[in-house]
Amino acid sequence: MTVDVNAAFKWQCQPEAENFIIEIVEKACQQNPFIEHLKQQLLTQTSTRLFDWIDHVMIGYDAEHEKRLLNSGFVADHAMPTYRIFHHPGAQLPRIVLQDDGRPVGGLALSVESIADFLMVRGMSAKIEGSPWSGYRRCCVSSENDVSLWVIERRGTQTCEPTYPNLGYLEKYFLCLETWKSRPRSLFDEDEAMKQTLKIAAKIVEELGEDLAASLVLGCERDYWQSRNTAAQVQKNRQDRLGMGWANHDHHTFRSSRKQFVHLVRLFEMLGFYCRERYYTGKEAGWGAQIMENPRARLVLFLDVDLTPDEVTIDFAHHPLSETDHLGTIGLWCALHGDSILNAGMHHLEAQFFFEELKKDLASTGIGMMEPFSFFPYLKQAFTKGEQWDVDHKRIDGIFAKKLITDEQAEKFRKTGAVGSHLENLQRREGYKGFNQKNVSIIIQKTDARTIGQSLDG
């Protein structure tokens, strides 16, 4: 009997739950002009919608409110003296803080990477609650007609109360940050590089705990990816002009060689991630992915690897994968550039946008999009056209000597390099939390470095 390993992860659209939050957001915009103005700024200047930056909404207790919450799938997961927090386990939606007071709409809390940056770009001054770089910080930036707008920083915690770590926290935090950023990514001996990476991760977890460590590590990985991707730099600048940062990230995608894949999974398990659904588009696709999530840190990963037809049904996240006599799209990318967690950096970051608006706005800066590989009312996805990276000739010589590429391909990589990283344009609706497992192999093939022209021209 075949066991469906993804049975627990059959994500469904949750329109009723999303509509409940949309109603709250619309009322907040109507009652507080600052929120409405920011909504328009986000659309025109960053190609994003206000909804996708919301960490949580605050409403007053009402029996009808609670009934609607429960009927649409929300569950209570935390209680404090004056409020309860609800989340939807089957959807990717903001949390709802149900306050004991009777105000219909108490306000919205938006995620940003830096509250100070949000205030600075607007010339504002306001009290920030919570210690710098701690797990949870907040700042009320507007309060009109009993509706408040808060901006919050969140690092590896689910609390809605400001955090004040003990003395010495900042030194410890920044030492861990520098240690991860300065780790040896580019060792030619990738076994040793991965060994050291795991050892460093263990030390950071020991110092900070797994959830804060996860937040720190993924923040560093975004920085490294962005340093090598023009589309990322352009879009990050657009979002920084409003003081938002990358707080609209959806998930982070790492490519891995077969040899290092179990070590990559182990690394993220050390950082508090668990294996969610396995992802593959059929036995002949030649690749698959393990989706991982740390729900406390609100981080999701897509870990890609070459797979043979008989491996899609095994627990390939924990089963060592032997070397093969050929390289698929993922394996070749790693052979040319290095594994994502090492020299290459992430293959792409997915963030939430207005799909068509981002395509149009980036095109005006000279950045094009590849063809969409998801185009549903509830999920749209497309890559920006890839960066072309130079390739270390030692890497080319190594895989050519193993007869994994042809002489013609080797010469092409020496002269023109190979396609590197992307930014992914993603739009979710109706709280849909899953991913498209159809038609994805077509776009993955278009990122194959051996495919002449298509990798760059879409």
Protein backbone atom coordinates (compact mmCIF):
# COMPACT_ATOMS: atom_id res chain seq x y z
CA MET A 1 0.00 0.00 0.00
CA THR A 2 1.34 3.43 -0.97
CA VAL A 3 1.47 5.92 1.88
CA ASP A 4 0.69 9.54 1.07
CA VAL A 5 3.46 11.35 2.95
CA ASN A 6 1.82 14.70 2.17
CA ALA A 7 -1.61 13.74 3.50
CA ALA A 8 -1.31 16.16 6.43
CA PHE A 9 -0.42 19.03 4.11
CA LYS A 10 -3.32 19.19 1.65
CA TRP A 11 -3.69 22.94 1.83
CA GLN A 12 -7.03 24.46 0.87
CA CYS A 13 -8.11 28.02 0.12
CA GLN A 14 -9.67 29.72 3.13
CA PRO A 15 -11.70 32.61 1.64
CA GLU A 16 -13.98 33.03 4.64
CA ALA A 17 -11.04 33.43 7.00
CA GLU A 18 -9.27 35.88 4.67
CA ASN A 19 -12.45 37.91 4.14
CA PHE A 20 -12.86 38.32 7.89
CA ILE A 21 -9.41 39.93 8.11
CA ILE A 22 -9.94 41.98 4.95
CA GLU A 23 -13.05 43.51 6.53
CA ILE A 24 -11.00 44.51 9.58
CA VAL A 25 -8.29 46.04 7.40
CA GLU A 26 -10.79 47.99 5.30
CA LYS A 27 -12.42 49.43 8.42
CA ALA A 28 -9.00 50.41 9.75
CA CYS A 29 -8.21 52.22 6.50
CA GLN A 30 -11.54 54.03 6.57
CA GLN A 31 -11.10 55.24 10.14
CA ASN A 32 -7.38 56.04 10.10
CA PRO A 33 -6.16 58.14 7.12
CA PHE A 34 -2.50 57.36 7.89
CA ILE A 35 -3.17 53.67 7.25
CA GLU A 36 -5.01 54.41 4.01
CA HIS A 37 -2.14 56.63 2.83
CA LEU A 38 0.43 53.95 3.63
CA LYS A 39 -1.68 51.40 1.76
CA GLN A 40 -1.48 53.54 -1.39
CA GLN A 41 2.25 54.16 -0.92
CA LEU A 42 2.97 50.46 -0.65
CA LEU A 43 1.07 49.75 -3.86
CA THR A 44 2.61 52.50 -5.98
CA GLN A 45 6.15 52.48 -4.57
CA THR A 46 6.76 48.81 -3.73
CA SER A 47 4.16 46.84 -5.77
CA THR A 48 2.84 45.27 -2.57
CA ARG A 49 -0.46 45.35 -0.74
CA LEU A 50 -0.87 46.43 2.88
CA PHE A 51 -2.39 43.03 3.75
CA ASP A 52 0.86 41.18 3.02
CA TRP A 53 2.82 43.17 5.62
CA ILE A 54 0.34 42.57 8.46
CA ASP A 55 1.64 40.58 11.42
CA HIS A 56 -1.62 40.72 13.35
CA VAL A 57 -4.88 42.66 13.63
CA MET A 58 -6.50 43.77 16.88
CA ILE A 59 -10.25 43.73 17.46
CA GLY A 60 -12.44 44.04 20.54
CA TYR A 61 -14.23 41.03 22.01
CA ASP A 62 -17.68 40.40 20.67
CA ALA A 63 -19.56 37.11 20.77
CA GLU A 64 -20.23 37.37 17.05
CA HIS A 65 -16.54 38.05 16.35
CA GLU A 66 -15.50 34.96 18.25
CA LYS A 67 -18.13 32.85 16.51
CA ARG A 68 -16.92 34.00 13.08
CA LEU A 69 -13.32 33.34 14.06
CA LEU A 70 -14.00 29.79 15.12
CA ASN A 71 -16.35 29.01 12.22
CA SER A 72 -13.74 30.14 9.69
CA GLY A 73 -11.04 27.92 11.16
CA PHE A 74 -9.12 30.13 13.59
CA VAL A 75 -8.03 28.60 16.89
CA ALA A 76 -6.85 30.23 20.10
CA ASP A 77 -3.18 29.56 20.78
CA HIS A 78 -2.14 32.07 23.45
CA ALA A 79 -3.81 33.97 26.27
CA MET A 80 -2.79 37.08 28.21
CA PRO A 81 -4.63 38.99 30.98
CA THR A 82 -6.37 41.36 28.53
CA TYR A 83 -6.39 39.51 25.19
CA ARG A 84 -6.22 36.19 23.37
CA ILE A 85 -4.37 35.41 20.15
CA PHE A 86 -5.92 33.33 17.36
CA HIS A 87 -4.22 31.81 14.33
CA HIS A 88 -5.42 29.71 11.39
CA PRO A 89 -3.48 26.41 11.20
CA GLY A 90 -4.60 25.75 7.63
CA ALA A 91 -3.88 29.15 6.13
CA GLN A 92 -1.16 31.72 5.66
CA LEU A 93 -2.91 34.68 7.26
CA PRO A 94 -2.21 37.34 9.90
CA ARG A 95 -3.02 36.45 13.49
CA ILE A 96 -5.96 38.00 15.27
CA VAL A 97 -5.64 39.53 18.72
CA LEU A 98 -9.04 39.47 20.42
CA GLN A 99 -8.93 42.17 23.08
CA ASP A 100 -11.19 42.32 26.11
CA ASP A 101 -12.18 45.93 25.42
CA GLY A 102 -15.14 46.65 23.19
CA ARG A 103 -13.56 48.58 20.30
CA PRO A 104 -14.66 46.92 17.03
CA VAL A 105 -11.24 47.55 15.42
CA GLY A 106 -8.29 48.24 17.68
CA GLY A 107 -5.65 48.45 14.98
CA LEU A 108 -3.13 46.77 12.73
CA ALA A 109 0.46 45.70 13.38
CA LEU A 110 2.77 45.66 10.35
CA SER A 111 6.03 43.73 10.17
CA VAL A 112 9.15 45.69 9.23
CA GLU A 113 12.82 44.80 9.45
CA SER A 114 13.67 47.97 11.37
CA ILE A 115 11.27 50.24 13.25
CA ALA A 116 13.94 52.93 13.41
CA ASP A 117 14.23 52.88 9.61
CA PHE A 118 10.44 53.15 9.26
CA LEU A 119 10.48 56.25 11.50
CA MET A 120 13.60 57.75 9.90
CA VAL A 121 12.35 57.79 6.30
CA ARG A 122 9.22 59.62 7.47
CA GLY A 123 10.96 62.07 9.79
CA MET A 124 8.93 60.67 12.68
CA SER A 125 9.80 60.26 16.34
CA ALA A 126 7.97 57.78 18.57
CA LYS A 127 8.65 55.47 21.47
CA ILE A 128 9.97 52.03 20.56
CA GLU A 129 9.14 49.34 23.11
CA GLY A 130 11.51 46.40 23.50
CA SER A 131 15.29 46.20 23.51
CA PRO A 132 17.21 46.70 20.24
CA TRP A 133 17.54 43.52 18.16
CA SER A 134 15.49 41.54 20.66
CA GLY A 135 12.73 39.04 19.86
CA TYR A 136 9.78 41.44 19.72
CA ARG A 137 9.66 45.23 19.48
CA ARG A 138 6.78 47.55 18.67
CA CYS A 139 5.99 51.20 18.07
CA CYS A 140 2.64 52.96 17.70
CA VAL A 141 3.07 55.31 14.72
CA SER A 142 -0.53 56.52 14.36
CA SER A 143 -3.74 56.54 16.35
CA GLU A 144 -6.88 58.14 14.93
CA ASN A 145 -10.55 57.50 15.62
CA ASP A 146 -9.60 54.76 18.10
CA VAL A 147 -7.72 52.80 15.42
CA SER A 148 -3.96 52.44 15.87
CA LEU A 149 -1.18 51.45 13.50
CA TRP A 150 1.79 49.69 15.03
CA VAL A 151 5.02 48.66 13.32
CA ILE A 152 6.75 45.68 14.83
CA GLU A 153 10.05 43.78 14.61
CA ARG A 154 9.86 40.04 15.23
CA ARG A 155 12.83 37.70 15.60
CA GLY A 156 12.07 34.07 16.34
CA THR A 157 9.18 34.50 18.75
CA GLN A 158 5.38 34.46 18.70
CA THR A 159 4.86 36.87 21.60
CA CYS A 160 3.01 40.16 21.23
CA GLU A 161 4.69 41.66 24.29
CA PRO A 162 7.95 43.67 24.02
CA THR A 163 11.05 41.70 25.00
CA TYR A 164 13.90 42.93 27.19
CA PRO A 165 16.80 40.44 27.26
CA ASN A 166 19.42 40.39 29.98
CA LEU A 167 22.52 42.57 29.97
CA GLY A 168 25.08 41.31 27.50
CA TYR A 169 22.50 40.16 24.96
CA LEU A 170 23.54 42.61 22.24
CA GLU A 171 27.19 41.61 22.36
CA LYS A 172 26.22 37.95 22.15
CA TYR A 173 23.75 38.57 19.31
CA PHE A 174 26.17 40.55 17.16
CA LEU A 175 29.01 38.12 17.79
CA CYS A 176 26.77 35.34 16.46
CA LEU A 177 25.78 37.55 13.50
CA GLU A 178 29.39 38.22 12.56
CA THR A 179 30.35 34.58 13.06
CA TRP A 180 27.69 33.39 10.60
CA LYS A 181 28.43 36.12 8.05
CA SER A 182 32.16 35.44 8.12
CA ARG A 183 32.01 31.62 8.04
CA PRO A 184 34.07 29.86 5.34
CA ARG A 185 31.58 29.57 2.46
CA SER A 186 34.08 29.25 -0.37
CA LEU A 187 36.32 26.38 0.70
CA PHE A 188 37.06 24.16 -2.29
CA ASP A 189 36.59 21.24 0.12
CA GLU A 190 32.81 21.53 0.50
CA ASP A 191 32.68 18.64 2.98
CA GLU A 192 34.86 20.66 5.34
CA ALA A 193 32.85 23.85 4.65
CA MET A 194 29.60 22.07 5.54
CA LYS A 195 31.18 20.52 8.63
CA GLN A 196 32.24 23.96 9.86
CA THR A 197 28.83 25.43 8.99
CA LEU A 198 27.07 22.84 11.15
CA LYS A 199 29.49 23.45 14.00
CA ILE A 200 28.94 27.23 13.84
CA ALA A 201 25.16 26.77 13.71
CA ALA A 202 25.30 24.58 16.82
CA LYS A 203 27.22 27.27 18.68
CA ILE A 204 24.74 29.99 17.66
CA VAL A 205 21.81 27.82 18.78
CA GLU A 206 23.57 27.29 22.10
CA GLU A 207 23.95 31.06 22.53
CA LEU A 208 20.58 32.28 21.24
CA GLY A 209 18.17 29.34 21.14
CA GLU A 210 17.01 27.71 17.93
CA ASP A 211 14.24 30.14 16.93
CA LEU A 212 16.23 33.36 17.31
CA ALA A 213 19.15 31.59 15.63
CA ALA A 214 16.87 30.68 12.71
CA SER A 215 15.85 34.33 12.32
CA LEU A 216 19.47 35.48 12.41
CA VAL A 217 20.71 32.87 9.93
CA LEU A 218 17.96 33.52 7.37
CA GLY A 219 18.50 37.27 7.66
CA CYS A 220 22.19 36.75 6.84
CA GLU A 221 21.31 34.45 3.95
CA ARG A 222 19.03 37.13 2.49
CA ASP A 223 21.86 39.64 2.73
CA TYR A 224 24.28 37.32 0.94
CA TRP A 225 21.78 36.48 -1.82
CA GLN A 226 20.92 40.15 -2.28
CA SER A 227 24.60 41.08 -2.65
CA ARG A 228 24.67 38.93 -5.80
CA ASN A 229 21.30 39.72 -7.35
CA THR A 230 20.41 42.98 -9.11
CA ALA A 231 16.65 42.43 -9.04
CA ALA A 232 16.87 41.92 -5.29
CA GLN A 233 18.84 45.13 -4.86
CA VAL A 234 16.38 47.15 -6.92
CA GLN A 235 13.30 45.81 -5.12
CA LYS A 236 14.89 46.02 -1.68
CA ASN A 237 15.71 49.68 -2.35
CA ARG A 238 12.07 50.31 -3.29
CA GLN A 239 10.93 48.73 -0.02
CA ASP A 240 13.62 50.46 2.04
CA ARG A 241 12.44 53.85 0.79
CA LEU A 242 9.32 53.18 2.87
CA GLY A 243 11.29 51.62 5.73
CA MET A 244 9.88 48.12 5.24
CA GLY A 245 12.88 45.89 4.44
CA TRP A 246 12.23 42.25 3.46
CA ALA A 247 9.46 41.71 6.02
CA ASN A 248 7.19 40.55 3.16
CA HIS A 249 9.31 37.42 2.54
CA ASP A 250 7.30 34.28 1.87
CA HIS A 251 9.90 31.51 1.71
CA HIS A 252 13.62 30.99 1.07
CA THR A 253 14.89 28.53 -1.56
CA PHE A 254 18.20 26.69 -1.29
CA ARG A 255 19.65 24.34 -3.89
CA SER A 256 21.76 21.43 -2.72
CA SER A 257 24.02 18.77 -4.16
CA ARG A 258 22.90 15.22 -3.48
CA LYS A 259 25.90 14.64 -1.23
CA GLN A 260 25.17 17.54 1.09
CA PHE A 261 21.36 17.37 1.14
CA VAL A 262 20.94 15.41 4.39
CA HIS A 263 23.41 17.80 6.05
CA LEU A 264 21.43 20.80 4.81
CA VAL A 265 18.24 19.34 6.27
CA ARG A 266 20.04 18.60 9.53
CA LEU A 267 21.28 22.19 9.70
CA PHE A 268 17.75 23.56 9.54
CA GLU A 269 16.43 20.96 11.95
CA MET A 270 19.03 22.30 14.40
CA LEU A 271 17.46 25.73 13.81
CA GLY A 272 13.99 24.54 14.81
CA PHE A 273 12.56 23.68 11.39
CA TYR A 274 10.48 20.55 10.82
CA CYS A 275 9.93 18.72 7.55
CA ARG A 276 6.60 19.71 6.07
CA GLU A 277 5.41 18.32 2.72
CA ARG A 278 7.76 16.72 0.21
CA TYR A 279 7.59 18.32 -3.17
CA TYR A 280 7.99 16.63 -6.54
CA THR A 281 6.20 16.80 -9.86
CA GLY A 282 6.53 13.22 -10.98
CA LYS A 283 9.03 10.37 -11.11
CA GLU A 284 10.57 11.63 -14.36
CA ALA A 285 11.03 15.25 -13.28
CA GLY A 286 14.57 14.62 -12.07
CA TRP A 287 14.33 16.76 -8.95
CA GLY A 288 12.37 17.26 -5.78
CA ALA A 289 12.25 19.43 -2.70
CA GLN A 290 11.70 19.18 1.02
CA ILE A 291 9.60 22.02 2.40
CA MET A 292 10.54 22.95 5.96
CA GLU A 293 8.94 25.34 8.42
CA ASN A 294 9.77 26.92 11.75
CA PRO A 295 6.32 28.23 12.77
CA ARG A 296 7.61 30.05 15.85
CA ALA A 297 10.10 32.03 13.76
CA ARG A 298 7.53 32.29 10.92
CA LEU A 299 10.02 31.02 8.35
CA VAL A 300 9.50 28.58 5.47
CA LEU A 301 12.16 26.91 3.32
CA PHE A 302 12.23 25.17 -0.06
CA LEU A 303 15.22 22.81 -0.31
CA ASP A 304 15.81 21.57 -3.89
CA VAL A 305 17.83 18.49 -4.92
CA ASP A 306 18.23 16.15 -7.91
CA LEU A 307 16.31 12.89 -7.47
CA THR A 308 16.13 9.66 -9.42
CA PRO A 309 12.66 8.22 -10.22
CA ASP A 310 12.83 5.65 -7.41
CA GLU A 311 13.82 8.23 -4.79
CA VAL A 312 10.72 10.42 -4.85
CA THR A 313 8.91 7.97 -2.57
CA ILE A 314 11.62 7.66 0.10
CA ASP A 315 12.38 10.04 2.96
CA PHE A 316 15.10 11.73 0.92
CA ALA A 317 15.52 14.43 3.59
CA HIS A 318 17.10 11.87 5.91
CA HIS A 319 18.26 9.15 3.51
CA PRO A 320 21.82 9.82 2.21
CA LEU A 321 21.78 10.22 -1.56
CA SER A 322 24.61 8.56 -3.48
CA GLU A 323 26.44 10.19 -6.34
CA THR A 324 25.04 9.55 -9.84
CA ASP A 325 26.66 9.46 -13.28
CA HIS A 326 24.77 12.53 -14.45
CA LEU A 327 23.77 15.98 -13.20
CA GLY A 328 20.21 17.27 -13.26
CA THR A 329 19.32 20.97 -13.23
CA ILE A 330 19.85 21.35 -9.47
CA GLY A 331 23.04 19.28 -9.34
CA LEU A 332 24.64 21.13 -12.25
CA TRP A 333 23.83 24.52 -10.69
CA CYS A 334 25.51 23.41 -7.44
CA ALA A 335 28.48 21.92 -9.31
CA LEU A 336 29.05 25.21 -11.12
CA HIS A 337 28.38 27.67 -8.30
CA GLY A 338 28.51 25.68 -5.07
CA ASP A 339 25.68 24.66 -2.76
CA SER A 340 23.27 27.42 -1.75
CA ILE A 341 24.19 27.21 1.92
CA LEU A 342 27.86 27.60 0.95
CA ASN A 343 29.37 29.61 -1.90
CA ALA A 344 26.36 30.15 -4.16
CA GLY A 345 23.83 31.56 -1.72
CA MET A 346 20.09 31.11 -2.14
CA HIS A 347 18.75 30.34 -5.58
CA HIS A 348 15.89 32.74 -4.96
CA LEU A 349 13.87 34.53 -2.32
CA GLU A 350 10.10 34.52 -2.70
CA ALA A 351 8.30 37.57 -1.36
CA GLN A 352 4.66 38.60 -1.61
CA PHE A 353 3.70 41.23 -4.17
CA PHE A 354 0.92 42.45 -6.42
CA PHE A 355 1.90 40.08 -9.23
CA GLU A 356 1.16 42.19 -12.31
CA GLU A 357 2.24 45.45 -10.65
CA LEU A 358 5.67 44.09 -9.78
CA LYS A 359 6.14 42.74 -13.30
CA LYS A 360 5.29 46.16 -14.75
CA ASP A 361 7.28 48.20 -12.21
CA LEU A 362 10.45 46.10 -12.46
CA ALA A 363 10.22 46.16 -16.26
CA SER A 364 10.48 49.95 -16.09
CA THR A 365 13.90 49.48 -14.43
CA GLY A 366 15.07 47.00 -17.08
CA ILE A 367 14.37 43.84 -15.06
CA GLY A 368 12.27 41.25 -16.87
CA MET A 369 10.22 38.29 -15.71
CA MET A 370 10.22 34.72 -16.95
CA GLU A 371 6.91 33.09 -17.82
CA PRO A 372 4.70 32.36 -14.78
CA PHE A 373 4.78 28.78 -13.52
CA SER A 374 1.70 29.31 -11.36
CA PHE A 375 -1.20 31.47 -12.47
CA PHE A 376 -4.26 30.72 -10.37
CA PRO A 377 -6.63 33.13 -8.62
CA TYR A 378 -5.14 32.00 -5.29
CA LEU A 379 -1.44 31.60 -6.29
CA LYS A 380 0.75 33.30 -8.89
CA GLN A 381 4.50 32.74 -9.21
CA ALA A 382 7.23 33.82 -11.63
CA PHE A 383 11.01 34.27 -11.53
CA THR A 384 12.84 37.39 -12.59
CA LYS A 385 15.27 36.61 -15.40
CA GLY A 386 18.36 35.10 -13.83
CA GLU A 387 21.68 36.72 -13.03
CA GLN A 388 24.55 35.46 -15.18
CA TRP A 389 27.50 34.56 -12.96
CA ASP A 390 31.12 33.84 -13.82
CA VAL A 391 32.11 30.26 -13.00
CA ASP A 392 35.39 29.20 -11.38
CA HIS A 393 37.33 27.34 -14.06
CA LYS A 394 38.43 24.76 -11.47
CA ARG A 395 34.80 23.79 -11.01
CA ILE A 396 34.29 23.47 -14.76
CA ASP A 397 37.43 21.37 -15.14
CA GLY A 398 36.35 19.12 -12.27
CA ILE A 399 32.91 18.24 -13.65
CA PHE A 400 34.28 17.96 -17.20
CA ALA A 401 36.89 15.47 -16.00
CA LYS A 402 34.07 13.37 -14.55
CA LYS A 403 32.33 13.50 -17.97
CA LEU A 404 29.30 15.23 -16.44
CA ILE A 405 29.29 17.98 -19.09
CA THR A 406 30.38 18.02 -22.72
CA ASP A 407 33.38 19.88 -24.12
CA GLU A 408 31.00 22.34 -25.78
CA GLN A 409 29.19 23.00 -22.52
CA ALA A 410 32.46 23.45 -20.64
CA GLU A 411 33.64 26.01 -23.18
CA LYS A 412 30.33 27.86 -22.95
CA PHE A 413 30.57 28.10 -19.16
CA ARG A 414 34.17 29.35 -19.37
CA LYS A 415 33.23 32.11 -21.82
CA THR A 416 29.81 33.25 -20.65
CA GLY A 417 29.37 31.85 -17.15
CA ALA A 418 26.07 30.31 -16.08
CA VAL A 419 22.71 31.50 -14.81
CA GLY A 420 22.73 32.16 -11.07
CA SER A 421 19.98 33.53 -8.82
CA HIS A 422 16.51 35.04 -9.11
CA LEU A 423 13.89 37.00 -7.20
CA GLU A 424 10.49 35.32 -7.20
CA ASN A 425 7.33 37.31 -7.72
CA LEU A 426 4.64 35.59 -5.64
CA GLN A 427 1.03 36.50 -4.95
CA ARG A 428 -1.22 34.60 -2.53
CA ARG A 429 -4.93 34.98 -2.02
CA GLU A 430 -7.60 33.29 0.14
CA GLY A 431 -4.98 32.30 2.71
CA TYR A 432 -3.59 29.56 0.46
CA LYS A 433 -0.51 28.15 2.18
CA GLY A 434 0.66 25.55 -0.34
CA PHE A 435 2.60 25.46 -3.59
CA ASN A 436 1.88 24.46 -7.16
CA GLN A 437 3.17 20.96 -7.92
CA LYS A 438 2.16 21.09 -11.59
CA ASN A 439 4.05 22.72 -14.47
CA VAL A 440 6.97 23.66 -12.19
CA SER A 441 9.42 21.32 -13.91
CA ILE A 442 9.08 23.36 -17.10
CA ILE A 443 10.34 26.52 -15.44
CA ILE A 444 13.02 24.61 -13.52
CA GLN A 445 14.30 23.28 -16.86
CA LYS A 446 14.50 26.87 -18.09
CA THR A 447 16.94 27.61 -15.27
CA ASP A 448 19.21 24.76 -16.44
CA ALA A 449 22.63 26.16 -17.37
CA ARG A 450 22.81 23.81 -20.37
CA THR A 451 19.69 25.26 -21.98
CA ILE A 452 20.93 27.75 -24.55
CA GLY A 453 19.23 31.14 -24.27
CA GLN A 454 16.12 30.06 -22.39
CA SER A 455 17.61 30.62 -18.94
CA LEU A 456 17.98 34.30 -19.68
CA ASP A 457 15.21 34.95 -22.16
CA GLY A 458 12.41 33.09 -20.34
